Amino acid sequence: MLIHIGFGNIVNTSKIIAIVSPDSAPIKRMVQSAKERGLAIDATQGRKTKSVLVMENSQVVLSALLPETIAGRVQAGQGEAGELPESEEA
């Protein structure tokens, strides 16, 4: 299943290992390391990073949505490609 993580960006939920907040020092180090190795995907569209999705293949995806928002969409099966919430369609 695909999940909408903000600003028209979609990820495969079966490849997500964890959805974490970027505030702690270990997560900041992990994101910096992924950027240096070319394994970071920035899906924030220039906004503040509010969550980090850790993927199966050691990639990290940065999102401007809160971890709770993304987790809620995964659990509810919402946010699939083509089913954008009305507030984000325009």
PDB file of N, CA and C in Angstrom:
ATOM      1  N   MET A   1       0.840  -1.182   0.000  1.00  0.00           N
ATOM      2  CA  MET A   1       0.000   0.000   0.000  1.00  0.00           C
ATOM      3  C   MET A   1       0.887   1.248   0.000  1.00  0.00           C
ATOM      4  N   LEU A   2       0.443   2.254  -0.678  1.00  0.00           N
ATOM      5  CA  LEU A   2       1.165   3.526  -0.721  1.00  0.00           C
ATOM      6  C   LEU A   2       0.516   4.514   0.235  1.00  0.00           C
ATOM      7  N   ILE A   3       1.326   5.364   0.844  1.00  0.00           N
ATOM      8  CA  ILE A   3       0.822   6.358   1.795  1.00  0.00           C
ATOM      9  C   ILE A   3       1.341   7.741   1.409  1.00  0.00           C
ATOM     10  N   HIS A   4       0.468   8.725   1.518  1.00  0.00           N
ATOM     11  CA  HIS A   4       0.796  10.112   1.204  1.00  0.00           C
ATOM     12  C   HIS A   4       1.516  10.725   2.408  1.00  0.00           C
ATOM     13  N   ILE A   5       2.738  11.260   2.188  1.00  0.00           N
ATOM     14  CA  ILE A   5       3.509  11.840   3.294  1.00  0.00           C
ATOM     15  C   ILE A   5       3.647  13.353   3.174  1.00  0.00           C
ATOM     16  N   GLY A   6       2.787  13.958   2.357  1.00  0.00           N
ATOM     17  CA  GLY A   6       2.766  15.410   2.246  1.00  0.00           C
ATOM     18  C   GLY A   6       3.314  15.930   0.937  1.00  0.00           C
ATOM     19  N   PHE A   7       2.680  16.982   0.421  1.00  0.00           N
ATOM     20  CA  PHE A   7       3.115  17.723  -0.760  1.00  0.00           C
ATOM     21  C   PHE A   7       3.262  16.838  -1.996  1.00  0.00           C
ATOM     22  N   GLY A   8       2.357  15.893  -2.153  1.00  0.00           N
ATOM     23  CA  GLY A   8       2.353  15.037  -3.326  1.00  0.00           C
ATOM     24  C   GLY A   8       3.367  13.907  -3.296  1.00  0.00           C
ATOM     25  N   ASN A   9       3.983  13.661  -2.164  1.00  0.00           N
ATOM     26  CA  ASN A   9       4.983  12.603  -2.032  1.00  0.00           C
ATOM     27  C   ASN A   9       4.349  11.345  -1.439  1.00  0.00           C
ATOM     28  N   ILE A  10       4.701  10.208  -2.019  1.00  0.00           N
ATOM     29  CA  ILE A  10       4.100   8.926  -1.657  1.00  0.00           C
ATOM     30  C   ILE A  10       5.209   7.927  -1.334  1.00  0.00           C
ATOM     31  N   VAL A  11       5.024   7.088  -0.294  1.00  0.00           N
ATOM     32  CA  VAL A  11       5.973   6.019   0.001  1.00  0.00           C
ATOM     33  C   VAL A  11       5.237   4.691   0.154  1.00  0.00           C
ATOM     34  N   ASN A  12       5.976   3.614  -0.032  1.00  0.00           N
ATOM     35  CA  ASN A  12       5.442   2.266   0.104  1.00  0.00           C
ATOM     36  C   ASN A  12       5.463   1.876   1.580  1.00  0.00           C
ATOM     37  N   THR A  13       4.301   1.639   2.172  1.00  0.00           N
ATOM     38  CA  THR A  13       4.231   1.346   3.603  1.00  0.00           C
ATOM     39  C   THR A  13       4.900   0.023   3.969  1.00  0.00           C
ATOM     40  N   SER A  14       4.969  -0.907   3.047  1.00  0.00           N
ATOM     41  CA  SER A  14       5.581  -2.194   3.364  1.00  0.00           C
ATOM     42  C   SER A  14       7.095  -2.093   3.520  1.00  0.00           C
ATOM     43  N   LYS A  15       7.688  -0.992   3.111  1.00  0.00           N
ATOM     44  CA  LYS A  15       9.136  -0.792   3.216  1.00  0.00           C
ATOM     45  C   LYS A  15       9.537   0.055   4.421  1.00  0.00           C
ATOM     46  N   ILE A  16       8.546   0.568   5.180  1.00  0.00           N
ATOM     47  CA  ILE A  16       8.833   1.424   6.336  1.00  0.00           C
ATOM     48  C   ILE A  16       9.162   0.560   7.549  1.00  0.00           C
ATOM     49  N   ILE A  17      10.297   0.851   8.194  1.00  0.00           N
ATOM     50  CA  ILE A  17      10.673   0.169   9.435  1.00  0.00           C
ATOM     51  C   ILE A  17      10.208   0.991  10.635  1.00  0.00           C
ATOM     52  N   ALA A  18      10.413   2.316  10.573  1.00  0.00           N
ATOM     53  CA  ALA A  18      10.066   3.177  11.702  1.00  0.00           C
ATOM     54  C   ALA A  18       9.726   4.579  11.217  1.00  0.00           C
ATOM     55  N   ILE A  19       8.889   5.259  11.990  1.00  0.00           N
ATOM     56  CA  ILE A  19       8.569   6.669  11.765  1.00  0.00           C
ATOM     57  C   ILE A  19       8.922   7.374  13.063  1.00  0.00           C
ATOM     58  N   VAL A  20       9.937   8.237  13.022  1.00  0.00           N
ATOM     59  CA  VAL A  20      10.453   8.844  14.249  1.00  0.00           C
ATOM     60  C   VAL A  20      10.532  10.362  14.139  1.00  0.00           C
ATOM     61  N   SER A  21      10.600  11.000  15.284  1.00  0.00           N
ATOM     62  CA  SER A  21      10.782  12.448  15.355  1.00  0.00           C
ATOM     63  C   SER A  21      12.257  12.768  15.120  1.00  0.00           C
ATOM     64  N   PRO A  22      12.564  13.861  14.420  1.00  0.00           N
ATOM     65  CA  PRO A  22      13.962  14.190  14.102  1.00  0.00           C
ATOM     66  C   PRO A  22      14.688  14.950  15.208  1.00  0.00           C
ATOM     67  N   ASP A  23      14.090  15.087  16.374  1.00  0.00           N
ATOM     68  CA  ASP A  23      14.630  15.975  17.399  1.00  0.00           C
ATOM     69  C   ASP A  23      15.801  15.418  18.208  1.00  0.00           C
ATOM     70  N   SER A  24      15.892  14.103  18.381  1.00  0.00           N
ATOM     71  CA  SER A  24      16.947  13.551  19.229  1.00  0.00           C
ATOM     72  C   SER A  24      18.292  13.529  18.497  1.00  0.00           C
ATOM     73  N   ALA A  25      19.359  13.576  19.262  1.00  0.00           N
ATOM     74  CA  ALA A  25      20.714  13.583  18.686  1.00  0.00           C
ATOM     75  C   ALA A  25      21.008  12.324  17.857  1.00  0.00           C
ATOM     76  N   PRO A  26      20.623  11.118  18.302  1.00  0.00           N
ATOM     77  CA  PRO A  26      20.903   9.935  17.473  1.00  0.00           C
ATOM     78  C   PRO A  26      20.210   9.981  16.109  1.00  0.00           C
ATOM     79  N   ILE A  27      18.999  10.493  16.070  1.00  0.00           N
ATOM     80  CA  ILE A  27      18.277  10.587  14.796  1.00  0.00           C
ATOM     81  C   ILE A  27      18.922  11.648  13.910  1.00  0.00           C
ATOM     82  N   LYS A  28      19.340  12.767  14.500  1.00  0.00           N
ATOM     83  CA  LYS A  28      20.039  13.794  13.726  1.00  0.00           C
ATOM     84  C   LYS A  28      21.320  13.239  13.118  1.00  0.00           C
ATOM     85  N   ARG A  29      22.066  12.422  13.882  1.00  0.00           N
ATOM     86  CA  ARG A  29      23.284  11.799  13.360  1.00  0.00           C
ATOM     87  C   ARG A  29      22.962  10.822  12.239  1.00  0.00           C
ATOM     88  N   MET A  30      21.882  10.050  12.404  1.00  0.00           N
ATOM     89  CA  MET A  30      21.480   9.091  11.383  1.00  0.00           C
ATOM     90  C   MET A  30      21.111   9.808  10.088  1.00  0.00           C
ATOM     91  N   VAL A  31      20.370  10.910  10.185  1.00  0.00           N
ATOM     92  CA  VAL A  31      19.979  11.681   9.003  1.00  0.00           C
ATOM     93  C   VAL A  31      21.213  12.280   8.334  1.00  0.00           C
ATOM     94  N   GLN A  32      22.127  12.843   9.111  1.00  0.00           N
ATOM     95  CA  GLN A  32      23.349  13.432   8.549  1.00  0.00           C
ATOM     96  C   GLN A  32      24.182  12.374   7.838  1.00  0.00           C
ATOM     97  N   SER A  33      24.296  11.198   8.452  1.00  0.00           N
ATOM     98  CA  SER A  33      25.041  10.100   7.837  1.00  0.00           C
ATOM     99  C   SER A  33      24.384   9.663   6.524  1.00  0.00           C
ATOM    100  N   ALA A  34      23.059   9.578   6.513  1.00  0.00           N
ATOM    101  CA  ALA A  34      22.344   9.192   5.293  1.00  0.00           C
ATOM    102  C   ALA A  34      22.544  10.236   4.201  1.00  0.00           C
ATOM    103  N   LYS A  35      22.547  11.519   4.563  1.00  0.00           N
ATOM    104  CA  LYS A  35      22.789  12.573   3.571  1.00  0.00           C
ATOM    105  C   LYS A  35      24.177  12.445   2.973  1.00  0.00           C
ATOM    106  N   GLU A  36      25.161  12.178   3.818  1.00  0.00           N
ATOM    107  CA  GLU A  36      26.547  12.043   3.346  1.00  0.00           C
ATOM    108  C   GLU A  36      26.708  10.856   2.405  1.00  0.00           C
ATOM    109  N   ARG A  37      25.964   9.780   2.652  1.00  0.00           N
ATOM    110  CA  ARG A  37      26.056   8.576   1.818  1.00  0.00           C
ATOM    111  C   ARG A  37      25.073   8.588   0.646  1.00  0.00           C
ATOM    112  N   GLY A  38      24.284   9.661   0.535  1.00  0.00           N
ATOM    113  CA  GLY A  38      23.336   9.764  -0.564  1.00  0.00           C
ATOM    114  C   GLY A  38      22.106   8.894  -0.390  1.00  0.00           C
ATOM    115  N   LEU A  39      21.769   8.581   0.860  1.00  0.00           N
ATOM    116  CA  LEU A  39      20.626   7.710   1.144  1.00  0.00           C
ATOM    117  C   LEU A  39      19.447   8.454   1.765  1.00  0.00           C
ATOM    118  N   ALA A  40      19.503   9.780   1.765  1.00  0.00           N
ATOM    119  CA  ALA A  40      18.410  10.574   2.324  1.00  0.00           C
ATOM    120  C   ALA A  40      17.539  11.114   1.193  1.00  0.00           C
ATOM    121  N   ILE A  41      16.246  11.006   1.384  1.00  0.00           N
ATOM    122  CA  ILE A  41      15.285  11.546   0.432  1.00  0.00           C
ATOM    123  C   ILE A  41      14.510  12.645   1.148  1.00  0.00           C
ATOM    124  N   ASP A  42      14.673  13.872   0.677  1.00  0.00           N
ATOM    125  CA  ASP A  42      14.022  15.024   1.310  1.00  0.00           C
ATOM    126  C   ASP A  42      12.678  15.281   0.644  1.00  0.00           C
ATOM    127  N   ALA A  43      11.593  14.963   1.354  1.00  0.00           N
ATOM    128  CA  ALA A  43      10.241  15.160   0.835  1.00  0.00           C
ATOM    129  C   ALA A  43       9.542  16.303   1.564  1.00  0.00           C
ATOM    130  N   THR A  44      10.327  17.239   2.113  1.00  0.00           N
ATOM    131  CA  THR A  44       9.744  18.330   2.902  1.00  0.00           C
ATOM    132  C   THR A  44       9.351  19.539   2.071  1.00  0.00           C
ATOM    133  N   GLN A  45       9.796  19.607   0.820  1.00  0.00           N
ATOM    134  CA  GLN A  45       9.531  20.754  -0.045  1.00  0.00           C
ATOM    135  C   GLN A  45       9.996  22.059   0.606  1.00  0.00           C
ATOM    136  N   GLY A  46      11.140  22.012   1.291  1.00  0.00           N
ATOM    137  CA  GLY A  46      11.723  23.205   1.900  1.00  0.00           C
ATOM    138  C   GLY A  46      11.167  23.569   3.257  1.00  0.00           C
ATOM    139  N   ARG A  47      10.263  22.785   3.784  1.00  0.00           N
ATOM    140  CA  ARG A  47       9.695  23.064   5.104  1.00  0.00           C
ATOM    141  C   ARG A  47      10.484  22.337   6.186  1.00  0.00           C
ATOM    142  N   LYS A  48      10.162  22.615   7.439  1.00  0.00           N
ATOM    143  CA  LYS A  48      10.851  21.995   8.560  1.00  0.00           C
ATOM    144  C   LYS A  48      10.561  20.495   8.591  1.00  0.00           C
ATOM    145  N   THR A  49      11.593  19.697   8.832  1.00  0.00           N
ATOM    146  CA  THR A  49      11.431  18.252   8.949  1.00  0.00           C
ATOM    147  C   THR A  49      10.776  17.940  10.285  1.00  0.00           C
ATOM    148  N   LYS A  50       9.624  17.275  10.239  1.00  0.00           N
ATOM    149  CA  LYS A  50       8.907  16.912  11.459  1.00  0.00           C
ATOM    150  C   LYS A  50       8.912  15.413  11.707  1.00  0.00           C
ATOM    151  N   SER A  51       9.250  14.622  10.678  1.00  0.00           N
ATOM    152  CA  SER A  51       9.363  13.180  10.887  1.00  0.00           C
ATOM    153  C   SER A  51      10.388  12.589   9.934  1.00  0.00           C
ATOM    154  N   VAL A  52      10.951  11.471  10.368  1.00  0.00           N
ATOM    155  CA  VAL A  52      11.931  10.738   9.582  1.00  0.00           C
ATOM    156  C   VAL A  52      11.402   9.311   9.429  1.00  0.00           C
ATOM    157  N   LEU A  53      11.279   8.870   8.186  1.00  0.00           N
ATOM    158  CA  LEU A  53      10.849   7.506   7.918  1.00  0.00           C
ATOM    159  C   LEU A  53      12.096   6.685   7.613  1.00  0.00           C
ATOM    160  N   VAL A  54      12.327   5.649   8.402  1.00  0.00           N
ATOM    161  CA  VAL A  54      13.458   4.756   8.198  1.00  0.00           C
ATOM    162  C   VAL A  54      12.956   3.604   7.332  1.00  0.00           C
ATOM    163  N   MET A  55      13.622   3.396   6.201  1.00  0.00           N
ATOM    164  CA  MET A  55      13.172   2.395   5.238  1.00  0.00           C
ATOM    165  C   MET A  55      14.033   1.131   5.316  1.00  0.00           C
ATOM    166  N   GLU A  56      13.521   0.035   4.739  1.00  0.00           N
ATOM    167  CA  GLU A  56      14.210  -1.260   4.746  1.00  0.00           C
ATOM    168  C   GLU A  56      15.608  -1.211   4.147  1.00  0.00           C
ATOM    169  N   ASN A  57      15.806  -0.430   3.117  1.00  0.00           N
ATOM    170  CA  ASN A  57      17.066  -0.414   2.380  1.00  0.00           C
ATOM    171  C   ASN A  57      18.067   0.609   2.923  1.00  0.00           C
ATOM    172  N   SER A  58      17.943   0.995   4.180  1.00  0.00           N
ATOM    173  CA  SER A  58      18.827   1.950   4.865  1.00  0.00           C
ATOM    174  C   SER A  58      18.619   3.392   4.422  1.00  0.00           C
ATOM    175  N   GLN A  59      17.640   3.643   3.570  1.00  0.00           N
ATOM    176  CA  GLN A  59      17.336   5.016   3.196  1.00  0.00           C
ATOM    177  C   GLN A  59      16.487   5.649   4.291  1.00  0.00           C
ATOM    178  N   VAL A  60      16.567   6.982   4.384  1.00  0.00           N
ATOM    179  CA  VAL A  60      15.687   7.724   5.274  1.00  0.00           C
ATOM    180  C   VAL A  60      14.918   8.740   4.434  1.00  0.00           C
ATOM    181  N   VAL A  61      13.652   8.901   4.735  1.00  0.00           N
ATOM    182  CA  VAL A  61      12.794   9.848   4.025  1.00  0.00           C
ATOM    183  C   VAL A  61      12.398  10.925   5.027  1.00  0.00           C
ATOM    184  N   LEU A  62      12.652  12.179   4.688  1.00  0.00           N
ATOM    185  CA  LEU A  62      12.312  13.302   5.558  1.00  0.00           C
ATOM    186  C   LEU A  62      10.956  13.852   5.137  1.00  0.00           C
ATOM    187  N   SER A  63      10.074  14.059   6.112  1.00  0.00           N
ATOM    188  CA  SER A  63       8.736  14.557   5.823  1.00  0.00           C
ATOM    189  C   SER A  63       8.411  15.752   6.708  1.00  0.00           C
ATOM    190  N   ALA A  64       7.568  16.642   6.194  1.00  0.00           N
ATOM    191  CA  ALA A  64       7.133  17.813   6.958  1.00  0.00           C
ATOM    192  C   ALA A  64       5.870  17.521   7.769  1.00  0.00           C
ATOM    193  N   LEU A  65       5.356  16.291   7.688  1.00  0.00           N
ATOM    194  CA  LEU A  65       4.195  15.914   8.496  1.00  0.00           C
ATOM    195  C   LEU A  65       4.659  15.309   9.815  1.00  0.00           C
ATOM    196  N   LEU A  66       3.836  15.434  10.845  1.00  0.00           N
ATOM    197  CA  LEU A  66       4.160  14.853  12.144  1.00  0.00           C
ATOM    198  C   LEU A  66       4.125  13.330  12.080  1.00  0.00           C
ATOM    199  N   PRO A  67       4.966  12.661  12.884  1.00  0.00           N
ATOM    200  CA  PRO A  67       4.946  11.193  12.899  1.00  0.00           C
ATOM    201  C   PRO A  67       3.560  10.619  13.205  1.00  0.00           C
ATOM    202  N   GLU A  68       2.829  11.285  14.098  1.00  0.00           N
ATOM    203  CA  GLU A  68       1.489  10.820  14.462  1.00  0.00           C
ATOM    204  C   GLU A  68       0.538  10.873  13.265  1.00  0.00           C
ATOM    205  N   THR A  69       0.686  11.888  12.431  1.00  0.00           N
ATOM    206  CA  THR A  69      -0.152  12.027  11.238  1.00  0.00           C
ATOM    207  C   THR A  69       0.116  10.898  10.257  1.00  0.00           C
ATOM    208  N   ILE A  70       1.378  10.629  10.012  1.00  0.00           N
ATOM    209  CA  ILE A  70       1.742   9.564   9.073  1.00  0.00           C
ATOM    210  C   ILE A  70       1.314   8.207   9.621  1.00  0.00           C
ATOM    211  N   ALA A  71       1.586   7.959  10.904  1.00  0.00           N
ATOM    212  CA  ALA A  71       1.198   6.686  11.517  1.00  0.00           C
ATOM    213  C   ALA A  71      -0.313   6.497  11.465  1.00  0.00           C
ATOM    214  N   GLY A  72      -1.060   7.566  11.693  1.00  0.00           N
ATOM    215  CA  GLY A  72      -2.521   7.488  11.619  1.00  0.00           C
ATOM    216  C   GLY A  72      -2.992   7.120  10.224  1.00  0.00           C
ATOM    217  N   ARG A  73      -2.337   7.666   9.218  1.00  0.00           N
ATOM    218  CA  ARG A  73      -2.709   7.344   7.836  1.00  0.00           C
ATOM    219  C   ARG A  73      -2.391   5.889   7.509  1.00  0.00           C
ATOM    220  N   VAL A  74      -1.271   5.405   8.011  1.00  0.00           N
ATOM    221  CA  VAL A  74      -0.912   4.006   7.773  1.00  0.00           C
ATOM    222  C   VAL A  74      -1.939   3.094   8.430  1.00  0.00           C
ATOM    223  N   GLN A  75      -2.274   3.374   9.682  1.00  0.00           N
ATOM    224  CA  GLN A  75      -3.221   2.531  10.412  1.00  0.00           C
ATOM    225  C   GLN A  75      -4.613   2.575   9.814  1.00  0.00           C
ATOM    226  N   ALA A  76      -5.027   3.740   9.350  1.00  0.00           N
ATOM    227  CA  ALA A  76      -6.378   3.887   8.813  1.00  0.00           C
ATOM    228  C   ALA A  76      -6.460   3.514   7.336  1.00  0.00           C
ATOM    229  N   GLY A  77      -5.304   3.328   6.702  1.00  0.00           N
ATOM    230  CA  GLY A  77      -5.303   3.017   5.274  1.00  0.00           C
ATOM    231  C   GLY A  77      -5.640   4.225   4.429  1.00  0.00           C
ATOM    232  N   GLN A  78      -5.500   5.437   5.001  1.00  0.00           N
ATOM    233  CA  GLN A  78      -5.781   6.669   4.272  1.00  0.00           C
ATOM    234  C   GLN A  78      -4.520   7.157   3.592  1.00  0.00           C
ATOM    235  N   GLY A  79      -4.690   8.132   2.697  1.00  0.00           N
ATOM    236  CA  GLY A  79      -3.557   8.768   2.058  1.00  0.00           C
ATOM    237  C   GLY A  79      -2.986   7.979   0.898  1.00  0.00           C
ATOM    238  N   GLU A  80      -3.724   6.982   0.411  1.00  0.00           N
ATOM    239  CA  GLU A  80      -3.239   6.225  -0.728  1.00  0.00           C
ATOM    240  C   GLU A  80      -3.134   7.139  -1.943  1.00  0.00           C
ATOM    241  N   ALA A  81      -2.291   6.765  -2.881  1.00  0.00           N
ATOM    242  CA  ALA A  81      -2.129   7.549  -4.102  1.00  0.00           C
ATOM    243  C   ALA A  81      -3.483   7.762  -4.747  1.00  0.00           C
ATOM    244  N   GLY A  82      -3.784   8.984  -5.066  1.00  0.00           N
ATOM    245  CA  GLY A  82      -5.060   9.289  -5.699  1.00  0.00           C
ATOM    246  C   GLY A  82      -6.149   9.638  -4.708  1.00  0.00           C
ATOM    247  N   GLU A  83      -5.874   9.483  -3.411  1.00  0.00           N
ATOM    248  CA  GLU A  83      -6.858   9.817  -2.395  1.00  0.00           C
ATOM    249  C   GLU A  83      -6.325  10.902  -1.477  1.00  0.00           C
ATOM    250  N   LEU A  84      -5.936  12.023  -2.050  1.00  0.00           N
ATOM    251  CA  LEU A  84      -5.383  13.111  -1.251  1.00  0.00           C
ATOM    252  C   LEU A  84      -6.483  13.775  -0.447  1.00  0.00           C
ATOM    253  N   PRO A  85      -6.176  14.137   0.797  1.00  0.00           N
ATOM    254  CA  PRO A  85      -7.168  14.868   1.594  1.00  0.00           C
ATOM    255  C   PRO A  85      -7.530  16.174   0.901  1.00  0.00           C
ATOM    256  N   GLU A  86      -8.778  16.621   1.073  1.00  0.00           N
ATOM    257  CA  GLU A  86      -9.252  17.818   0.378  1.00  0.00           C
ATOM    258  C   GLU A  86      -8.376  19.031   0.632  1.00  0.00           C
ATOM    259  N   SER A  87      -7.836  19.177   1.835  1.00  0.00           N
ATOM    260  CA  SER A  87      -7.025  20.350   2.176  1.00  0.00           C
ATOM    261  C   SER A  87      -5.700  20.385   1.407  1.00  0.00           C
ATOM    262  N   GLU A  88      -5.264  19.262   0.827  1.00  0.00           N
ATOM    263  CA  GLU A  88      -3.992  19.226   0.136  1.00  0.00           C
ATOM    264  C   GLU A  88      -4.140  19.035  -1.371  1.00  0.00           C
ATOM    265  N   GLU A  89      -5.358  18.982  -1.894  1.00  0.00           N
ATOM    266  CA  GLU A  89      -5.561  18.720  -3.304  1.00  0.00           C
ATOM    267  C   GLU A  89      -5.163  19.899  -4.194  1.00  0.00           C
ATOM    268  N   ALA A  90      -5.480  21.096  -3.799  1.00  0.00           N
ATOM    269  CA  ALA A  90      -5.180  22.275  -4.619  1.00  0.00           C
ATOM    270  C   ALA A  90      -3.723  22.553  -4.554  1.00  0.00           C
TER     271      ALA A  90
END
